[in-house]
Protein backbone atom coordinates (compact mmCIF):
# COMPACT_ATOMS: atom_id res chain seq x y z
CA MET A 1 82.42 55.44 39.09
CA ARG A 2 83.26 52.00 37.75
CA PRO A 3 80.35 49.51 37.67
CA ALA A 4 82.11 47.04 39.97
CA THR A 5 82.92 49.79 42.44
CA ALA A 6 79.28 50.81 42.67
CA LEU A 7 78.38 47.35 43.92
CA ALA A 8 81.38 47.23 46.22
CA LEU A 9 80.25 50.36 48.03
CA GLY A 10 76.75 48.97 48.33
CA LEU A 11 73.58 50.22 46.72
CA ILE A 12 71.58 52.26 49.20
CA LEU A 13 68.82 53.88 47.21
CA THR A 14 66.51 56.50 48.66
CA THR A 15 62.93 56.12 47.58
CA THR A 16 61.03 58.92 49.27
CA GLY A 17 58.03 60.36 47.47
CA ALA A 18 56.79 59.03 44.15
CA VAL A 19 58.76 56.13 42.75
CA GLN A 20 60.32 57.05 39.41
CA ALA A 21 61.37 54.75 36.55
CA ASP A 22 64.98 54.93 37.73
CA ASP A 23 64.09 54.18 41.36
CA PRO A 24 63.77 50.74 42.90
CA ARG A 25 60.65 49.97 44.90
CA PRO A 26 60.81 50.89 48.62
CA VAL A 27 60.85 48.23 51.33
CA PRO A 28 57.65 47.98 53.41
CA LEU A 29 58.68 47.87 57.07
CA THR A 30 55.57 46.47 58.76
CA ARG A 31 52.97 43.87 57.89
CA PRO A 32 50.15 46.35 57.13
CA GLU A 33 52.53 48.23 54.82
CA MET A 34 53.52 44.97 53.16
CA LYS A 35 49.86 44.06 52.52
CA GLN A 36 49.27 47.44 50.90
CA PHE A 37 52.28 46.85 48.64
CA LEU A 38 50.87 43.44 47.68
CA GLU A 39 47.56 45.04 46.72
CA ASP A 40 49.26 47.87 44.82
CA MET A 41 51.16 45.36 42.66
CA LYS A 42 47.89 44.53 40.89
CA ILE A 43 48.23 47.74 38.86
CA ARG A 44 51.95 47.42 38.19
CA LYS A 45 53.03 48.43 34.69
CA PRO A 46 54.78 45.54 32.85
CA ARG A 47 58.35 46.28 31.80
CA ILE A 48 58.72 44.55 28.45
CA PRO A 49 56.69 45.70 25.44
CA LEU A 50 54.57 43.16 23.61
CA PRO A 51 53.06 43.37 20.13
CA GLU A 52 49.33 43.82 19.78
CA LEU A 53 47.41 40.65 20.50
CA THR A 54 46.27 39.16 17.19
CA GLU A 55 43.06 37.30 16.58
CA GLU A 56 45.14 34.22 15.78
CA GLU A 57 46.80 34.41 19.20
CA LYS A 58 43.45 34.89 20.91
CA THR A 59 42.13 31.78 19.21
CA LYS A 60 45.29 29.77 19.90
CA LEU A 61 45.83 30.82 23.51
CA GLY A 62 42.31 31.47 24.67
CA GLU A 63 41.32 34.38 26.87
CA ARG A 64 42.82 32.87 30.03
CA GLU A 65 46.28 32.31 28.51
CA ALA A 66 46.51 35.63 26.66
CA GLY A 67 47.81 37.59 29.66
CA TYR A 68 51.11 39.48 29.81
CA GLU A 69 53.26 36.81 31.44
CA ASN A 70 52.10 33.89 29.35
CA ARG A 71 52.50 35.87 26.11
CA LEU A 72 55.97 36.91 27.24
CA ARG A 73 56.97 33.27 27.57
CA VAL A 74 55.25 32.09 24.39
CA LEU A 75 56.60 34.92 22.23
CA TYR A 76 60.14 35.29 23.58
CA LEU A 77 61.35 32.20 25.47
CA PRO A 78 62.65 29.11 23.65
CA ASP A 79 61.00 25.79 24.35
CA GLY A 80 62.50 24.06 27.37
CA TRP A 81 63.57 27.19 29.24
CA GLY A 82 62.53 27.28 32.89
CA PHE A 83 63.20 29.80 35.61
CA GLY A 84 66.17 28.77 37.72
CA GLY A 85 66.79 25.70 35.62
CA GLY A 86 63.70 23.92 36.91
CA GLY A 87 60.99 22.55 34.65
CA GLY A 88 61.02 22.26 30.90
CA GLY A 89 58.76 23.23 28.05
CA ALA A 90 55.70 25.41 28.29
CA GLY A 91 54.22 23.37 31.11
CA GLY A 92 57.42 23.63 33.12
CA ASN A 93 57.56 27.36 32.53
CA ARG A 94 53.99 27.81 33.73
CA ALA A 95 54.65 25.79 36.87
CA ALA A 96 57.80 27.70 37.65
CA ALA A 97 56.21 31.05 36.93
CA GLY A 98 53.42 30.29 39.35
CA GLY A 99 55.89 30.25 42.21
CA ASN A 100 54.92 26.83 43.56
CA PRO A 101 57.87 24.78 44.87
CA THR A 102 55.75 21.63 44.71
CA PRO A 103 52.90 20.61 42.41
CA ALA A 104 50.14 20.68 45.02
CA PRO A 105 49.72 20.89 48.79
CA GLY A 106 51.07 17.79 50.50
CA ARG A 107 52.87 16.50 47.43
CA ASN A 108 56.48 16.74 46.29
CA SER A 109 57.60 16.66 42.67
CA ASP A 110 60.05 13.84 43.41
CA ALA A 111 59.77 10.67 45.49
CA ASN A 112 63.12 11.39 47.18
CA MET A 113 61.90 14.79 48.39
CA THR A 114 60.49 14.65 51.90
CA LEU A 115 60.15 18.22 53.15
CA ASP A 116 56.66 19.40 54.02
CA TYR A 117 54.79 21.61 51.55
CA ALA A 118 53.89 24.25 54.12
CA PHE A 119 57.47 24.36 55.40
CA LYS A 120 58.89 24.90 51.90
CA THR A 121 56.27 27.58 51.31
CA GLU A 122 57.43 29.31 54.50
CA LEU A 123 60.96 29.27 53.11
CA PHE A 124 59.66 30.71 49.82
CA TRP A 125 57.94 33.50 51.78
CA ILE A 126 61.20 34.32 53.60
CA VAL A 127 63.17 34.34 50.34
CA SER A 128 60.59 36.64 48.75
CA ARG A 129 60.49 39.00 51.74
CA THR A 130 64.28 39.20 51.68
CA ASN A 131 64.20 40.01 47.95
CA ASN A 132 61.25 42.43 48.36
CA CYS A 133 59.35 40.48 45.69
CA GLN A 134 55.76 41.38 46.45
CA TYR A 135 54.35 39.24 43.64
CA CYS A 136 55.75 36.05 45.15
CA MET A 137 54.98 37.08 48.73
CA GLY A 138 51.34 37.46 47.77
CA HIS A 139 51.18 33.98 46.31
CA GLN A 140 52.88 32.41 49.31
CA GLU A 141 50.54 34.25 51.71
CA SER A 142 47.56 32.58 50.04
CA LYS A 143 49.25 29.19 49.99
CA LEU A 144 50.23 29.34 53.65
CA LEU A 145 46.68 30.19 54.67
CA GLY A 146 45.44 27.38 52.46
CA ALA A 147 47.94 25.00 54.11
CA GLY A 148 46.51 25.76 57.55
CA LEU A 149 48.66 28.58 58.94
CA ASN A 150 46.84 31.47 60.56
CA GLU A 151 47.50 35.19 60.15
CA ASP A 152 49.64 35.53 63.28
CA THR A 153 51.84 32.57 62.38
CA ILE A 154 52.55 34.10 58.96
CA ALA A 155 53.20 37.49 60.58
CA ALA A 156 55.67 35.82 62.93
CA LEU A 157 57.75 34.70 59.93
CA ASP A 158 58.67 38.35 59.48
CA GLY A 159 59.14 39.51 63.04
CA ASP A 160 59.36 36.81 65.70
CA TRP A 161 60.77 33.32 65.20
CA SER A 162 60.67 32.44 68.90
CA GLU A 163 57.51 30.36 68.54
CA PHE A 164 59.06 28.18 65.83
CA THR A 165 61.15 25.07 66.50
CA PRO A 166 64.97 25.16 66.50
CA ALA A 167 64.89 23.16 63.23
CA GLN A 168 62.59 25.72 61.60
CA ARG A 169 64.64 28.68 62.84
CA SER A 170 67.80 27.09 61.46
CA ALA A 171 66.18 26.64 58.04
CA PHE A 172 64.70 30.15 58.06
CA ALA A 173 68.11 31.68 58.76
CA PHE A 174 69.65 29.60 55.98
CA ALA A 175 66.95 30.66 53.52
CA ARG A 176 67.67 34.32 54.25
CA LYS A 177 71.44 33.83 53.97
CA ILE A 178 71.40 31.92 50.68
CA THR A 179 69.17 34.70 49.36
CA TYR A 180 70.88 37.88 50.58
CA GLN A 181 74.43 36.74 51.33
CA PRO A 182 75.24 33.77 49.08
CA TYR A 183 78.87 34.95 49.08
CA LEU A 184 79.10 33.96 52.77
CA LEU A 185 77.96 30.34 52.38
CA ASN A 186 80.39 27.96 54.09
CA ASP A 187 80.84 24.57 55.74
CA ALA A 188 79.27 25.79 59.00
CA ASP A 189 75.94 26.40 57.27
CA ILE A 190 75.61 22.75 56.28
CA VAL A 191 76.95 21.52 59.63
CA GLY A 192 74.31 23.60 61.42
CA LEU A 193 71.50 22.25 59.26
CA ARG A 194 72.67 18.67 59.85
CA GLU A 195 71.66 19.02 63.49
CA HIS A 196 68.06 18.90 62.30
CA TYR A 197 67.98 17.55 58.73
CA GLN A 198 69.36 14.71 56.64
CA ASP A 199 71.68 15.50 53.72
CA LEU A 200 69.05 14.97 51.03
CA GLN A 201 66.66 17.21 52.95
CA ILE A 202 69.34 19.90 53.05
CA LEU A 203 69.86 19.50 49.30
CA GLU A 204 66.10 19.69 48.77
CA MET A 205 66.08 22.90 50.81
CA ILE A 206 68.91 24.33 48.70
CA LEU A 207 67.21 23.44 45.41
CA SER A 208 63.92 24.88 46.64
CA THR A 209 65.29 28.20 47.93
CA ALA A 210 67.57 28.60 44.90
CA GLY A 211 64.51 28.10 42.70
CA ASN A 212 62.56 30.60 44.79
CA ASN A 213 65.32 33.16 44.22
CA ALA A 214 65.07 32.48 40.51
CA ILE A 215 61.31 32.99 40.41
CA ASN A 216 61.65 36.26 42.35
CA ARG A 217 64.09 37.46 39.69
CA TRP A 218 61.77 36.51 36.86
CA LYS A 219 58.75 38.25 38.38
CA GLU A 220 60.72 41.38 39.31
CA GLY A 221 62.87 41.47 36.20
CA ALA A 222 59.98 41.23 33.76
CA GLY A 223 57.68 43.38 35.91
CA ILE A 224 54.85 40.88 36.28
CA PRO A 225 51.72 42.52 37.77
CA GLN A 226 50.04 40.80 40.70
CA SER A 227 47.04 38.64 39.85
CA LYS A 228 43.80 40.63 39.93
CA ASN A 229 42.22 37.96 42.13
CA GLY A 230 45.23 37.83 44.47
CA GLY A 231 44.38 37.84 48.14
CA ASN A 232 41.29 35.69 47.77
CA PHE A 233 42.20 33.92 50.97
CA PRO A 234 40.28 30.74 51.74
CA ARG A 235 37.68 30.80 54.50
CA ARG A 236 37.80 28.08 57.14
CA ASP A 237 35.07 25.89 58.50
CA GLU A 238 34.65 26.84 62.17
CA LYS A 239 34.27 23.20 63.26
CA THR A 240 36.87 21.43 61.13
CA GLY A 241 39.34 24.26 60.53
CA LEU A 242 39.63 23.14 56.91
CA ALA A 243 39.77 25.59 54.01
CA VAL A 244 36.60 25.97 51.98
CA ASN A 245 36.28 27.74 48.65
CA PRO A 246 34.84 31.22 49.17
CA THR A 247 32.35 32.79 46.84
CA PRO A 248 33.33 36.12 45.27
CA ASP A 249 30.53 37.88 47.13
CA ALA A 250 31.41 36.36 50.48
CA HIS A 251 35.13 37.05 50.40
CA PRO A 252 36.67 40.08 48.66
CA GLN A 253 39.77 39.49 46.57
CA SER A 254 42.14 41.70 48.52
CA TYR A 255 45.39 41.44 50.47
CA LEU A 256 44.21 44.16 52.85
CA THR A 257 43.18 41.80 55.64
CA PRO A 258 43.34 42.70 59.35
CA THR A 259 46.64 42.41 61.25
CA SER A 260 46.58 41.67 64.96
CA GLU A 261 47.77 44.33 67.39
CA LYS A 262 50.74 42.14 68.29
CA PHE A 263 52.30 42.48 64.82
CA ARG A 264 50.81 45.75 63.54
CA ALA A 265 53.89 47.88 64.26
CA THR A 266 56.56 45.16 64.20
CA ILE A 267 59.48 46.01 61.92
CA SER A 268 60.61 43.25 59.55
CA ARG A 269 63.56 41.20 60.72
CA VAL A 270 63.78 39.41 57.38
CA ALA A 271 63.85 42.22 54.81
CA PRO A 272 67.18 44.09 54.62
CA VAL A 273 66.44 47.38 56.38
CA ALA A 274 68.56 50.55 56.27
CA ILE A 275 68.89 52.62 59.44
CA ASP A 276 68.92 56.41 59.25
CA PRO A 277 72.27 57.42 60.81
CA LYS A 278 70.80 60.66 62.15
CA THR A 279 67.66 59.31 63.82
CA GLY A 280 68.66 55.68 64.35
CA LYS A 281 65.29 54.64 62.95
CA PRO A 282 64.60 52.16 60.14
CA THR A 283 63.90 53.59 56.69
CA ARG A 284 62.22 52.28 53.55
CA GLN A 285 65.37 52.67 51.51
CA THR A 286 66.22 49.76 49.26
CA ILE A 287 69.64 48.37 50.11
CA SER A 288 71.89 45.84 48.47
CA ARG A 289 75.43 45.39 49.67
CA ARG A 290 78.09 43.17 48.17
CA PRO A 291 81.79 43.33 49.07
CA ALA A 292 84.32 44.75 46.62
CA LEU A 293 85.33 42.30 43.93
CA GLU A 294 88.62 40.56 44.64
CA SER A 295 91.82 41.10 42.71
CA ARG A 296 92.77 38.76 39.89
CA ASP A 297 95.33 37.01 42.11
CA ALA A 298 92.76 36.50 44.85
CA VAL A 299 90.27 35.02 42.37
CA GLU A 300 92.84 32.56 41.04
CA LYS A 301 93.61 31.46 44.62
CA GLN A 302 89.92 30.90 45.30
CA LEU A 303 89.58 28.87 42.11
CA GLU A 304 92.53 26.74 43.18
CA ILE A 305 90.83 26.11 46.53
CA ALA A 306 87.68 25.09 44.68
CA ARG A 307 89.70 22.55 42.70
CA THR A 308 90.83 20.79 45.87
CA ARG A 309 87.82 21.04 48.18
CA THR A 310 85.47 18.17 48.99
CA PRO A 311 81.73 18.55 48.26
CA ARG A 312 79.61 19.22 51.33
CA LEU A 313 76.71 17.10 50.10
CA PRO A 314 76.59 13.64 48.51
CA LEU A 315 76.86 13.16 44.76
CA LEU A 316 75.06 10.32 43.08
CA ASP A 317 77.26 7.55 41.72
CA GLU A 318 78.04 8.28 38.06
CA THR A 319 76.38 5.10 36.80
CA LYS A 320 73.18 5.83 38.74
CA ALA A 321 73.26 9.48 37.71
CA ARG A 322 73.67 8.45 34.05
CA ALA A 323 70.50 6.39 34.33
CA VAL A 324 68.65 9.52 35.47
CA VAL A 325 69.89 11.87 32.73
CA SER A 326 70.71 9.50 29.86
CA GLU A 327 68.15 11.04 27.51
CA VAL A 328 69.90 14.44 27.65
CA TRP A 329 73.44 13.37 28.64
CA PRO A 330 73.99 9.99 26.94
CA ASP A 331 77.80 10.00 26.97
CA GLY A 332 80.86 11.81 28.26
CA PRO A 333 81.78 12.51 31.89
CA LEU A 334 79.00 13.86 34.07
CA PRO A 335 79.76 17.17 35.77
CA GLN A 336 79.45 17.25 39.54
CA TRP A 337 76.41 19.53 39.38
CA VAL A 338 74.56 16.89 37.35
CA ARG A 339 75.46 14.15 39.84
CA LEU A 340 74.30 16.44 42.66
CA VAL A 341 70.82 17.21 41.30
CA ALA A 342 70.39 13.62 40.08
CA ASN A 343 69.82 12.65 43.72
CA PHE A 344 66.25 13.62 42.84
CA PRO A 345 65.50 11.71 39.60
CA LYS A 346 62.49 13.68 38.36
CA GLU A 347 63.54 17.10 39.59
CA GLY A 348 67.17 16.49 38.62
CA LEU A 349 66.30 15.52 35.05
CA ASN A 350 64.10 18.60 34.66
CA ARG A 351 66.88 20.88 35.90
CA VAL A 352 69.49 19.33 33.62
CA LYS A 353 67.16 19.64 30.62
CA SER A 354 66.40 23.27 31.37
CA ILE A 355 69.99 24.32 32.07
CA LYS A 356 71.21 22.66 28.87
CA SER A 357 68.40 24.29 26.93
CA ALA A 358 69.35 27.71 28.32
CA GLU A 359 72.92 27.20 27.09
CA GLU A 360 72.02 25.82 23.67
CA LYS A 361 68.99 27.84 22.58
CA GLY A 362 67.91 31.44 22.23
CA VAL A 363 69.07 34.68 20.62
CA ILE A 364 71.74 35.50 23.22
CA THR A 365 75.16 34.72 21.76
CA PRO A 366 77.40 32.10 23.43
CA LEU A 367 79.91 34.84 24.26
CA VAL A 368 77.34 37.04 26.00
CA LYS A 369 76.05 34.02 27.95
CA ALA A 370 79.58 33.26 29.12
CA GLN A 371 80.24 36.91 30.00
CA VAL A 372 77.10 37.33 32.05
CA SER A 373 77.69 33.95 33.72
CA TRP A 374 81.05 35.30 34.88
CA ILE A 375 79.55 38.60 36.07
CA ILE A 376 76.80 36.86 38.04
CA ALA A 377 79.09 34.21 39.55
CA ARG A 378 81.60 36.86 40.61
CA GLN A 379 78.90 38.84 42.44
CA ASP A 380 77.79 35.64 44.21
CA ARG A 381 81.36 34.43 44.89
CA ALA A 382 80.25 31.13 43.41
CA TRP A 383 83.69 29.72 42.69
CA TYR A 384 82.59 26.52 40.95
CA ALA A 385 80.41 28.59 38.59
CA THR A 386 83.15 31.20 38.18
CA GLY A 387 85.60 28.50 37.12
CA LEU A 388 83.15 27.09 34.58
CA ALA A 389 82.50 30.57 33.16
CA GLN A 390 86.22 31.25 32.90
CA ARG A 391 86.79 28.01 31.04
CA ARG A 392 83.96 28.74 28.62
CA LEU A 393 85.22 32.26 27.94
CA LYS A 394 88.66 30.90 27.11
CA GLU A 395 87.13 28.30 24.80
CA LEU A 396 85.46 31.21 23.00
CA GLY A 397 88.83 32.89 22.49
CA GLN A 398 88.79 35.39 25.36
CA THR A 399 92.09 36.27 27.03
CA ASP A 400 92.57 36.57 30.79
CA GLU A 401 92.70 40.35 30.39
CA GLN A 402 89.36 40.38 28.59
CA ILE A 403 87.81 38.11 31.20
CA TYR A 404 88.94 40.17 34.19
CA GLN A 405 87.86 43.36 32.45
CA LEU A 406 84.32 42.15 33.16
CA ASP A 407 85.04 42.85 36.85
CA GLY A 408 85.90 46.48 36.31
CA ASP A 409 85.57 49.22 33.74
CA TRP A 410 83.01 48.43 31.03
CA SER A 411 83.66 51.60 29.02
CA SER A 412 85.39 49.70 26.20
CA PHE A 413 82.28 47.55 25.66
CA SER A 414 79.46 48.62 23.35
CA PRO A 415 76.47 50.49 24.81
CA ALA A 416 74.38 47.37 24.22
CA ASP A 417 76.84 45.22 26.18
CA GLN A 418 76.93 47.75 28.99
CA ALA A 419 73.12 47.67 29.17
CA ARG A 420 73.15 43.86 29.19
CA PHE A 421 75.80 43.69 31.91
CA THR A 422 74.03 46.28 34.08
CA LEU A 423 70.75 44.40 33.83
CA VAL A 424 72.16 41.01 34.79
CA ARG A 425 74.47 42.34 37.53
CA LYS A 426 71.68 44.26 39.25
CA LEU A 427 69.08 41.53 38.84
CA ALA A 428 71.45 38.85 40.10
CA THR A 429 72.59 40.87 43.10
CA SER A 430 69.13 41.90 44.31
CA PRO A 431 65.98 41.67 42.14
CA VAL A 432 64.44 44.89 43.38
CA VAL A 433 67.55 46.96 42.59
CA LEU A 434 66.86 46.54 38.88
CA THR A 435 64.70 49.47 37.77
CA ASP A 436 62.24 50.17 34.98
CA ALA A 437 64.83 52.49 33.43
CA ASP A 438 67.47 49.73 33.38
CA VAL A 439 65.14 47.36 31.55
CA ASP A 440 63.93 50.08 29.18
CA GLN A 441 67.53 50.94 28.23
CA ALA A 442 68.35 47.29 27.53
CA VAL A 443 65.21 46.87 25.41
CA LYS A 444 66.09 49.97 23.35
CA LEU A 445 69.65 48.79 22.69
CA THR A 446 68.84 45.10 22.06
CA SER A 447 65.26 43.80 21.72
CA PRO A 448 62.31 42.74 23.89
CA GLU A 449 63.09 39.12 23.01
CA GLU A 450 66.72 39.32 24.08
CA VAL A 451 65.92 41.15 27.31
CA THR A 452 63.29 38.56 28.22
CA GLN A 453 65.84 35.83 27.61
CA LEU A 454 68.53 37.70 29.56
CA ILE A 455 66.19 37.92 32.54
CA CYS A 456 65.34 34.23 32.33
CA TYR A 457 68.98 33.26 31.80
CA THR A 458 69.94 35.29 34.87
CA THR A 459 67.42 33.35 36.96
CA THR A 460 69.11 30.13 35.88
CA ARG A 461 72.61 31.38 36.73
CA ALA A 462 71.55 32.85 40.09
CA SER A 463 69.98 29.52 41.01
CA PHE A 464 72.98 27.54 39.71
CA ASP A 465 75.38 29.67 41.77
CA ARG A 466 73.47 29.05 44.99
CA ILE A 467 73.10 25.33 44.45
CA THR A 468 76.70 24.61 43.47
CA GLU A 469 78.30 26.88 46.07
CA ALA A 470 76.10 25.79 48.97
CA ALA A 471 77.04 22.21 48.05
CA GLY A 472 80.73 23.20 47.78
CA LEU A 473 81.31 21.37 44.51
CA THR A 474 84.83 20.60 43.37
CA LEU A 475 85.96 22.42 40.22
CA SER A 476 87.38 19.60 38.10
CA GLU A 477 88.55 19.37 34.51
CA LYS A 478 85.64 17.18 33.43
CA ASP A 479 82.99 19.58 34.71
């Protein structure tokens, strides 16, 4: 079966019994099951091999920073790389890896950002539940409790949105769609959000959920184990209702907290759930469905439409945008994606820095970066990004035939290329579909360093696709 065809038919993967290295993780159907999965992630086996920790590293990093994820970044990621194109340098990587869409409760990273911390954390939870990323769900659970939400309100995010406002429900539905069905994003999505939110708030929502999708892909792709102290939910003062720091003895560090009777047996309405055709009951099978890739003629027609469409969201004036990004883009025309993110000066600059760094640094060759950018954009039907990838491939000497071959039969490519393409296609389409065996094969045929960078690069492209396509950017010659 051709690789593209496999995705076209949809990946419905049975995961009964013990999960093997070539199986994706099952989908927990109910809240108690989900909590057990969160707890089980604490003993997850990391996917990418690391060298033995040296005494020099121990001294340099300190005991706290010598864990798997931090060493992965320090050893294998170039300076300035961030997950999803957000944040730069080691500090930016640490912030992004932590899964926090804003620096601290009640604060936004940019003065032009106005959405509430708890609300954006709810969106992050929905994105993570959709992607079956238990690592990120666990972190958002703790943050939501710390922000003042109670257990039943969090449970309702997964099974009953009726108690939320129309504005919240609209945003929740958008967060799920941009996560699971980015290929269906259209004008109506933005029009619907405008009933409740201003344009910059919609853009903030897009940047936040796109970044959440990126972080899910990093955590799942690299196989990051859950924090050992995860689930150390804050206690609340009975009189004030405010969170207070628990002592280890007073509050066990576990996700296995009680679930009210109301939500104990409720099946998730957020996670993609497969139904057994024989029994009509939901299963724990992992599913990921994308439509068949279009023909070459159909792609060219879509690219032509992208060249003539009008952006759905405002772009910053080029002079004002230049003032935001001048240190990294001092001259030459500014692409539309730069003028879009520059609406948020601090966040926009960080994203531009990180995206440029991902293109300019690392061990992945320019050709492979362009090839995987095409593969990812095609799966997402991100036409602006597809057009940019096509242009870059041609600049690197690729013919139209070679470019469109990336949509179909990969048998003429080297085993290493096939392993690279499989990794990025699966990870981009649905993080949990990527298996331990997929990563292991890529590591064997390339290197731990390249695979780590491929995973991080995929997070950037998956985020870029969602941002640029949700905004409906125009594919122009200067982009």
